[in-house]
Amino acid sequence: MAGRLESRTALVTGAGSGIGLAIARRLAADGARVLTTDRAGEVDIVADVTDPGANAHFIAEAEARFGGLDILIPCAGITGMQPLDDHSDDFFDQMMAVNVTAVFRLVRGALPLLKRSPHGRIILIGSVMSSFGEAGMTAYGASKHAVLGMTKSIAAEVGAHGITANCIQPGAIDTPMTAPAFGAMPAFKQHWIDKAALGRLGQPEDIADVAAFLASDDARFMSGHGLFVDGGSTQRT
């Protein structure tokens, strides 16, 4: 529905490509003013979310440009596989730094602006792997379980201010981030295609459409949930 986010403001990290880019474009198409960030790409702010000062900069810029903030979507994330018996501390720590700690810092920093909004929305990006595991993905699975748990606790705390908090749990999505793994391991790609009841990988727009819904008044009484957007992959073993 074009225009349903008219006059609202949004901050989307990881918006240089993939899911983040699709979300930013969809929110803008629905009328929102969107501040975008990423480590590279055609975004408003080029920065690394793991930089301790980055998130404060994002929030300050949102207030300077928009005078406030209605919609927060920390979409920056990383993935990767590493066998458990050869799993390095550095690999685990980096996964948690990007997928968990940076998200926590951004939500915490954005709360003063979101509390001023009559339409406060926090939309985190989890994974179907917050509900099950895959061999070789201990760090990634741990980070996405953390995101879902964070969503539920955030929702319980911010609801008194009229803010909703939800988590989108994508299945396997065809993005620049997943392309190297799928290209190097065709069987792994086919595994996820076969796992989806709809028989395909997801596209970034499949996630963006759900994000736009959660950001809108149509989802005004939904909070604390993880929404599977996975083509039915959780319905198959």
C-alpha atoms as a PDB file:
ATOM      1  CA  MET A   1       0.000   0.000   0.000  1.00  0.00           C
ATOM      2  CA  ALA A   2       1.869   3.061  -1.252  1.00  0.00           C
ATOM      3  CA  GLY A   3       2.096   5.911   1.220  1.00  0.00           C
ATOM      4  CA  ARG A   4       1.292   3.972   4.381  1.00  0.00           C
ATOM      5  CA  LEU A   5       4.611   5.103   5.922  1.00  0.00           C
ATOM      6  CA  GLU A   6       4.246   8.712   4.782  1.00  0.00           C
ATOM      7  CA  SER A   7       5.971  11.226   7.104  1.00  0.00           C
ATOM      8  CA  ARG A   8       7.690   8.459   9.097  1.00  0.00           C
ATOM      9  CA  THR A   9      11.442   8.126   9.454  1.00  0.00           C
ATOM     10  CA  ALA A  10      13.567   5.019   9.407  1.00  0.00           C
ATOM     11  CA  LEU A  11      17.151   3.947  10.017  1.00  0.00           C
ATOM     12  CA  VAL A  12      18.350   0.819   8.215  1.00  0.00           C
ATOM     13  CA  THR A  13      21.858  -0.559   8.700  1.00  0.00           C
ATOM     14  CA  GLY A  14      23.402  -2.987   6.231  1.00  0.00           C
ATOM     15  CA  ALA A  15      21.532  -1.167   3.480  1.00  0.00           C
ATOM     16  CA  GLY A  16      24.260  -1.273   0.847  1.00  0.00           C
ATOM     17  CA  SER A  17      23.061  -4.551  -0.655  1.00  0.00           C
ATOM     18  CA  GLY A  18      20.865  -7.581  -0.180  1.00  0.00           C
ATOM     19  CA  ILE A  19      18.068  -7.573   2.368  1.00  0.00           C
ATOM     20  CA  GLY A  20      18.987  -4.187   3.845  1.00  0.00           C
ATOM     21  CA  LEU A  21      18.908  -2.504   0.449  1.00  0.00           C
ATOM     22  CA  ALA A  22      15.566  -4.089  -0.411  1.00  0.00           C
ATOM     23  CA  ILE A  23      14.098  -2.983   2.925  1.00  0.00           C
ATOM     24  CA  ALA A  24      15.315   0.590   2.494  1.00  0.00           C
ATOM     25  CA  ARG A  25      13.835   0.758  -0.981  1.00  0.00           C
ATOM     26  CA  ARG A  26      10.502  -0.696   0.133  1.00  0.00           C
ATOM     27  CA  LEU A  27      10.146   1.682   3.082  1.00  0.00           C
ATOM     28  CA  ALA A  28      10.943   4.621   0.808  1.00  0.00           C
ATOM     29  CA  ALA A  29       8.369   3.398  -1.718  1.00  0.00           C
ATOM     30  CA  ASP A  30       5.820   3.416   1.093  1.00  0.00           C
ATOM     31  CA  GLY A  31       6.640   7.044   1.846  1.00  0.00           C
ATOM     32  CA  ALA A  32       9.214   6.826   4.639  1.00  0.00           C
ATOM     33  CA  ARG A  33      12.328   8.965   4.848  1.00  0.00           C
ATOM     34  CA  VAL A  34      15.160   6.481   5.205  1.00  0.00           C
ATOM     35  CA  LEU A  35      18.678   6.929   6.567  1.00  0.00           C
ATOM     36  CA  THR A  36      20.910   4.120   5.279  1.00  0.00           C
ATOM     37  CA  THR A  37      24.276   2.855   6.507  1.00  0.00           C
ATOM     38  CA  ASP A  38      26.739   0.135   5.508  1.00  0.00           C
ATOM     39  CA  ARG A  39      30.469  -0.523   5.223  1.00  0.00           C
ATOM     40  CA  ALA A  40      30.239   0.163   1.472  1.00  0.00           C
ATOM     41  CA  GLY A  41      27.740   0.973  -1.242  1.00  0.00           C
ATOM     42  CA  GLU A  42      25.476   3.878  -2.088  1.00  0.00           C
ATOM     43  CA  VAL A  43      24.345   4.708   1.433  1.00  0.00           C
ATOM     44  CA  ASP A  44      24.019   7.872   3.512  1.00  0.00           C
ATOM     45  CA  ILE A  45      26.680   6.864   6.029  1.00  0.00           C
ATOM     46  CA  VAL A  46      29.627   4.555   5.356  1.00  0.00           C
ATOM     47  CA  ALA A  47      30.649   2.963   8.653  1.00  0.00           C
ATOM     48  CA  ASP A  48      31.246  -0.349  10.397  1.00  0.00           C
ATOM     49  CA  VAL A  49      28.547  -1.148  12.962  1.00  0.00           C
ATOM     50  CA  THR A  50      31.139  -2.746  15.241  1.00  0.00           C
ATOM     51  CA  ASP A  51      32.879   0.600  15.662  1.00  0.00           C
ATOM     52  CA  PRO A  52      31.905   1.638  19.229  1.00  0.00           C
ATOM     53  CA  GLY A  53      31.094   5.175  18.077  1.00  0.00           C
ATOM     54  CA  ALA A  54      29.214   4.265  14.904  1.00  0.00           C
ATOM     55  CA  ASN A  55      25.781   3.707  16.354  1.00  0.00           C
ATOM     56  CA  ALA A  56      25.803   6.983  18.280  1.00  0.00           C
ATOM     57  CA  HIS A  57      26.688   8.682  15.001  1.00  0.00           C
ATOM     58  CA  PHE A  58      23.777   6.992  13.229  1.00  0.00           C
ATOM     59  CA  ILE A  59      21.307   8.142  15.883  1.00  0.00           C
ATOM     60  CA  ALA A  60      22.650  11.686  15.945  1.00  0.00           C
ATOM     61  CA  GLU A  61      22.392  11.864  12.160  1.00  0.00           C
ATOM     62  CA  ALA A  62      18.797  10.600  12.209  1.00  0.00           C
ATOM     63  CA  GLU A  63      17.842  13.318  14.679  1.00  0.00           C
ATOM     64  CA  ALA A  64      19.711  15.989  12.724  1.00  0.00           C
ATOM     65  CA  ARG A  65      18.133  15.037   9.391  1.00  0.00           C
ATOM     66  CA  PHE A  66      14.661  13.993  10.471  1.00  0.00           C
ATOM     67  CA  GLY A  67      14.157  15.476  13.919  1.00  0.00           C
ATOM     68  CA  GLY A  68      13.383  12.040  15.293  1.00  0.00           C
ATOM     69  CA  LEU A  69      13.026   8.364  14.468  1.00  0.00           C
ATOM     70  CA  ASP A  70      10.031   6.060  14.054  1.00  0.00           C
ATOM     71  CA  ILE A  71      11.433   2.838  12.593  1.00  0.00           C
ATOM     72  CA  LEU A  72      14.693   1.102  13.495  1.00  0.00           C
ATOM     73  CA  ILE A  73      15.920  -1.868  11.444  1.00  0.00           C
ATOM     74  CA  PRO A  74      19.447  -3.109  12.291  1.00  0.00           C
ATOM     75  CA  CYS A  75      20.005  -5.244   9.204  1.00  0.00           C
ATOM     76  CA  ALA A  76      23.806  -5.406   9.099  1.00  0.00           C
ATOM     77  CA  GLY A  77      24.935  -8.980   9.620  1.00  0.00           C
ATOM     78  CA  ILE A  78      27.435 -11.642   8.662  1.00  0.00           C
ATOM     79  CA  THR A  79      27.301 -15.392   8.179  1.00  0.00           C
ATOM     80  CA  GLY A  80      29.803 -18.192   7.765  1.00  0.00           C
ATOM     81  CA  MET A  81      30.568 -21.830   8.371  1.00  0.00           C
ATOM     82  CA  GLN A  82      33.332 -23.360  10.462  1.00  0.00           C
ATOM     83  CA  PRO A  83      33.520 -26.937  11.819  1.00  0.00           C
ATOM     84  CA  LEU A  84      33.225 -27.080  15.580  1.00  0.00           C
ATOM     85  CA  ASP A  85      36.508 -28.932  16.119  1.00  0.00           C
ATOM     86  CA  ASP A  86      38.322 -26.169  14.202  1.00  0.00           C
ATOM     87  CA  HIS A  87      36.179 -23.280  15.416  1.00  0.00           C
ATOM     88  CA  SER A  88      38.292 -20.244  16.318  1.00  0.00           C
ATOM     89  CA  ASP A  89      37.516 -17.737  19.047  1.00  0.00           C
ATOM     90  CA  ASP A  90      38.021 -14.887  16.583  1.00  0.00           C
ATOM     91  CA  PHE A  91      35.389 -16.269  14.199  1.00  0.00           C
ATOM     92  CA  PHE A  92      32.867 -16.633  17.036  1.00  0.00           C
ATOM     93  CA  ASP A  93      33.649 -13.225  18.506  1.00  0.00           C
ATOM     94  CA  GLN A  94      33.261 -11.441  15.156  1.00  0.00           C
ATOM     95  CA  MET A  95      29.928 -13.145  14.512  1.00  0.00           C
ATOM     96  CA  MET A  96      28.613 -12.005  17.882  1.00  0.00           C
ATOM     97  CA  ALA A  97      30.073  -8.511  17.508  1.00  0.00           C
ATOM     98  CA  VAL A  98      28.210  -7.841  14.267  1.00  0.00           C
ATOM     99  CA  ASN A  99      25.031  -9.867  14.713  1.00  0.00           C
ATOM    100  CA  VAL A 100      24.388  -9.275  18.412  1.00  0.00           C
ATOM    101  CA  THR A 101      26.449  -6.591  20.156  1.00  0.00           C
ATOM    102  CA  ALA A 102      26.072  -3.969  17.415  1.00  0.00           C
ATOM    103  CA  VAL A 103      22.318  -4.608  17.305  1.00  0.00           C
ATOM    104  CA  PHE A 104      22.035  -4.212  21.081  1.00  0.00           C
ATOM    105  CA  ARG A 105      23.992  -0.958  21.020  1.00  0.00           C
ATOM    106  CA  LEU A 106      21.870   0.476  18.222  1.00  0.00           C
ATOM    107  CA  VAL A 107      18.572  -0.374  19.893  1.00  0.00           C
ATOM    108  CA  ARG A 108      19.788   1.042  23.194  1.00  0.00           C
ATOM    109  CA  GLY A 109      20.975   4.238  21.530  1.00  0.00           C
ATOM    110  CA  ALA A 110      17.793   4.715  19.514  1.00  0.00           C
ATOM    111  CA  LEU A 111      15.383   4.349  22.428  1.00  0.00           C
ATOM    112  CA  PRO A 112      15.215   8.046  23.373  1.00  0.00           C
ATOM    113  CA  LEU A 113      14.106   8.931  19.834  1.00  0.00           C
ATOM    114  CA  LEU A 114      11.744   5.975  19.509  1.00  0.00           C
ATOM    115  CA  LYS A 115      10.066   6.856  22.804  1.00  0.00           C
ATOM    116  CA  ARG A 116       9.162  10.244  21.344  1.00  0.00           C
ATOM    117  CA  SER A 117       7.491   8.644  18.347  1.00  0.00           C
ATOM    118  CA  PRO A 118       3.794   7.707  18.283  1.00  0.00           C
ATOM    119  CA  HIS A 119       4.696   4.918  15.837  1.00  0.00           C
ATOM    120  CA  GLY A 120       7.850   3.398  17.326  1.00  0.00           C
ATOM    121  CA  ARG A 121       8.943   0.188  15.596  1.00  0.00           C
ATOM    122  CA  ILE A 122      11.984  -2.018  16.202  1.00  0.00           C
ATOM    123  CA  ILE A 123      12.474  -4.737  13.598  1.00  0.00           C
ATOM    124  CA  LEU A 124      15.395  -7.110  14.064  1.00  0.00           C
ATOM    125  CA  ILE A 125      16.658  -9.622  11.514  1.00  0.00           C
ATOM    126  CA  GLY A 126      17.063 -13.129  12.858  1.00  0.00           C
ATOM    127  CA  SER A 127      17.061 -16.417  10.975  1.00  0.00           C
ATOM    128  CA  VAL A 128      15.238 -19.721  10.773  1.00  0.00           C
ATOM    129  CA  MET A 129      18.333 -20.945  12.585  1.00  0.00           C
ATOM    130  CA  SER A 130      17.068 -19.323  15.762  1.00  0.00           C
ATOM    131  CA  SER A 131      14.826 -22.396  15.913  1.00  0.00           C
ATOM    132  CA  PHE A 132      17.109 -25.190  14.690  1.00  0.00           C
ATOM    133  CA  GLY A 133      20.746 -25.806  13.901  1.00  0.00           C
ATOM    134  CA  GLU A 134      22.948 -26.704  10.949  1.00  0.00           C
ATOM    135  CA  ALA A 135      26.320 -28.456  11.077  1.00  0.00           C
ATOM    136  CA  GLY A 136      29.212 -26.015  10.833  1.00  0.00           C
ATOM    137  CA  MET A 137      27.135 -22.996  11.840  1.00  0.00           C
ATOM    138  CA  THR A 138      27.523 -22.915  15.610  1.00  0.00           C
ATOM    139  CA  ALA A 139      28.537 -19.246  15.768  1.00  0.00           C
ATOM    140  CA  TYR A 140      25.872 -18.056  13.351  1.00  0.00           C
ATOM    141  CA  GLY A 141      23.163 -20.117  15.037  1.00  0.00           C
ATOM    142  CA  ALA A 142      24.166 -18.808  18.456  1.00  0.00           C
ATOM    143  CA  SER A 143      24.019 -15.222  17.217  1.00  0.00           C
ATOM    144  CA  LYS A 144      20.551 -15.622  15.735  1.00  0.00           C
ATOM    145  CA  HIS A 145      19.185 -17.365  18.819  1.00  0.00           C
ATOM    146  CA  ALA A 146      20.441 -14.316  20.703  1.00  0.00           C
ATOM    147  CA  VAL A 147      18.623 -11.947  18.338  1.00  0.00           C
ATOM    148  CA  LEU A 148      15.309 -13.714  18.903  1.00  0.00           C
ATOM    149  CA  GLY A 149      15.789 -13.699  22.658  1.00  0.00           C
ATOM    150  CA  MET A 150      16.724 -10.016  22.546  1.00  0.00           C
ATOM    151  CA  THR A 151      13.563  -9.264  20.563  1.00  0.00           C
ATOM    152  CA  LYS A 152      11.309 -10.820  23.178  1.00  0.00           C
ATOM    153  CA  SER A 153      12.946  -9.007  26.088  1.00  0.00           C
ATOM    154  CA  ILE A 154      13.028  -5.682  24.241  1.00  0.00           C
ATOM    155  CA  ALA A 155       9.331  -5.997  23.413  1.00  0.00           C
ATOM    156  CA  ALA A 156       8.500  -6.600  27.072  1.00  0.00           C
ATOM    157  CA  GLU A 157      10.420  -3.503  28.111  1.00  0.00           C
ATOM    158  CA  VAL A 158       9.465  -0.954  25.454  1.00  0.00           C
ATOM    159  CA  GLY A 159       5.770  -1.768  25.137  1.00  0.00           C
ATOM    160  CA  ALA A 160       4.921   0.728  27.874  1.00  0.00           C
ATOM    161  CA  HIS A 161       6.132   3.448  25.492  1.00  0.00           C
ATOM    162  CA  GLY A 162       3.944   2.240  22.635  1.00  0.00           C
ATOM    163  CA  ILE A 163       6.906   0.741  20.778  1.00  0.00           C
ATOM    164  CA  THR A 164       6.664  -2.667  19.143  1.00  0.00           C
ATOM    165  CA  ALA A 165       9.621  -5.005  18.662  1.00  0.00           C
ATOM    166  CA  ASN A 166       9.570  -7.972  16.316  1.00  0.00           C
ATOM    167  CA  CYS A 167      12.078 -10.184  14.561  1.00  0.00           C
ATOM    168  CA  ILE A 168      11.961 -11.430  10.984  1.00  0.00           C
ATOM    169  CA  GLN A 169      13.392 -14.944  10.640  1.00  0.00           C
ATOM    170  CA  PRO A 170      14.409 -15.430   6.995  1.00  0.00           C
ATOM    171  CA  GLY A 171      15.142 -18.767   5.424  1.00  0.00           C
ATOM    172  CA  ALA A 172      17.851 -19.054   2.786  1.00  0.00           C
ATOM    173  CA  ILE A 173      17.859 -15.798   0.818  1.00  0.00           C
ATOM    174  CA  ASP A 174      19.689 -15.198  -2.449  1.00  0.00           C
ATOM    175  CA  THR A 175      21.925 -12.219  -1.592  1.00  0.00           C
ATOM    176  CA  PRO A 176      25.539 -11.094  -2.141  1.00  0.00           C
ATOM    177  CA  MET A 177      26.282 -12.381   1.379  1.00  0.00           C
ATOM    178  CA  THR A 178      25.077 -15.928   0.681  1.00  0.00           C
ATOM    179  CA  ALA A 179      26.264 -16.096  -2.934  1.00  0.00           C
ATOM    180  CA  PRO A 180      29.879 -17.158  -2.176  1.00  0.00           C
ATOM    181  CA  ALA A 181      28.763 -20.148  -0.091  1.00  0.00           C
ATOM    182  CA  PHE A 182      26.087 -21.186  -2.559  1.00  0.00           C
ATOM    183  CA  GLY A 183      28.530 -20.798  -5.452  1.00  0.00           C
ATOM    184  CA  ALA A 184      31.252 -22.813  -3.754  1.00  0.00           C
ATOM    185  CA  MET A 185      28.879 -25.500  -2.493  1.00  0.00           C
ATOM    186  CA  PRO A 186      26.106 -26.205  -5.024  1.00  0.00           C
ATOM    187  CA  ALA A 187      24.864 -29.102  -2.896  1.00  0.00           C
ATOM    188  CA  PHE A 188      24.414 -26.731   0.054  1.00  0.00           C
ATOM    189  CA  LYS A 189      22.363 -24.394  -2.121  1.00  0.00           C
ATOM    190  CA  GLN A 190      20.251 -27.275  -3.391  1.00  0.00           C
ATOM    191  CA  HIS A 191      19.764 -28.467   0.195  1.00  0.00           C
ATOM    192  CA  TRP A 192      18.068 -25.175   1.051  1.00  0.00           C
ATOM    193  CA  ILE A 193      16.022 -25.122  -2.147  1.00  0.00           C
ATOM    194  CA  ASP A 194      14.793 -28.636  -1.400  1.00  0.00           C
ATOM    195  CA  LYS A 195      14.181 -27.752   2.246  1.00  0.00           C
ATOM    196  CA  ALA A 196      11.752 -24.962   1.306  1.00  0.00           C
ATOM    197  CA  ALA A 197       8.216 -26.156   0.703  1.00  0.00           C
ATOM    198  CA  LEU A 198       7.958 -23.520  -2.031  1.00  0.00           C
ATOM    199  CA  GLY A 199      10.990 -25.023  -3.737  1.00  0.00           C
ATOM    200  CA  ARG A 200      13.153 -21.938  -4.131  1.00  0.00           C
ATOM    201  CA  LEU A 201      15.534 -19.582  -2.388  1.00  0.00           C
ATOM    202  CA  GLY A 202      14.013 -16.412  -1.020  1.00  0.00           C
ATOM    203  CA  GLN A 203      14.643 -13.018  -2.561  1.00  0.00           C
ATOM    204  CA  PRO A 204      15.484  -9.864  -0.568  1.00  0.00           C
ATOM    205  CA  GLU A 205      12.122  -8.391  -1.538  1.00  0.00           C
ATOM    206  CA  ASP A 206      10.371 -11.295   0.231  1.00  0.00           C
ATOM    207  CA  ILE A 207      11.850 -10.007   3.490  1.00  0.00           C
ATOM    208  CA  ALA A 208      11.408  -6.315   2.654  1.00  0.00           C
ATOM    209  CA  ASP A 209       7.663  -6.696   2.190  1.00  0.00           C
ATOM    210  CA  VAL A 210       7.312  -8.196   5.662  1.00  0.00           C
ATOM    211  CA  ALA A 211       9.474  -5.456   7.165  1.00  0.00           C
ATOM    212  CA  ALA A 212       7.209  -2.823   5.602  1.00  0.00           C
ATOM    213  CA  PHE A 213       4.191  -4.558   7.128  1.00  0.00           C
ATOM    214  CA  LEU A 214       5.766  -4.643  10.589  1.00  0.00           C
ATOM    215  CA  ALA A 215       6.688  -0.964  10.269  1.00  0.00           C
ATOM    216  CA  SER A 216       3.116   0.005   9.422  1.00  0.00           C
ATOM    217  CA  ASP A 217      -0.024   0.522  11.464  1.00  0.00           C
ATOM    218  CA  ASP A 218      -1.270  -2.832  10.155  1.00  0.00           C
ATOM    219  CA  ALA A 219       1.077  -4.462  12.704  1.00  0.00           C
ATOM    220  CA  ARG A 220       0.346  -2.050  15.551  1.00  0.00           C
ATOM    221  CA  PHE A 221      -0.696  -4.800  18.006  1.00  0.00           C
ATOM    222  CA  MET A 222       2.052  -7.285  17.136  1.00  0.00           C
ATOM    223  CA  SER A 223       5.099  -7.344  19.381  1.00  0.00           C
ATOM    224  CA  GLY A 224       7.612  -9.805  20.746  1.00  0.00           C
ATOM    225  CA  HIS A 225       7.368 -12.247  17.865  1.00  0.00           C
ATOM    226  CA  GLY A 226       9.718 -13.983  15.465  1.00  0.00           C
ATOM    227  CA  LEU A 227       8.091 -14.253  12.045  1.00  0.00           C
ATOM    228  CA  PHE A 228       9.319 -17.027   9.758  1.00  0.00           C
ATOM    229  CA  VAL A 229       9.724 -15.854   6.160  1.00  0.00           C
ATOM    230  CA  ASP A 230      11.271 -19.019   4.833  1.00  0.00           C
ATOM    231  CA  GLY A 231       9.188 -20.499   2.031  1.00  0.00           C
ATOM    232  CA  GLY A 232       8.098 -23.255   4.418  1.00  0.00           C
ATOM    233  CA  SER A 233      11.605 -24.548   5.124  1.00  0.00           C
ATOM    234  CA  THR A 234      10.790 -25.107   8.788  1.00  0.00           C
ATOM    235  CA  GLN A 235       8.032 -27.505   7.712  1.00  0.00           C
ATOM    236  CA  ARG A 236      10.547 -29.971   6.292  1.00  0.00           C
ATOM    237  CA  THR A 237      13.350 -31.903   7.926  1.00  0.00           C
END
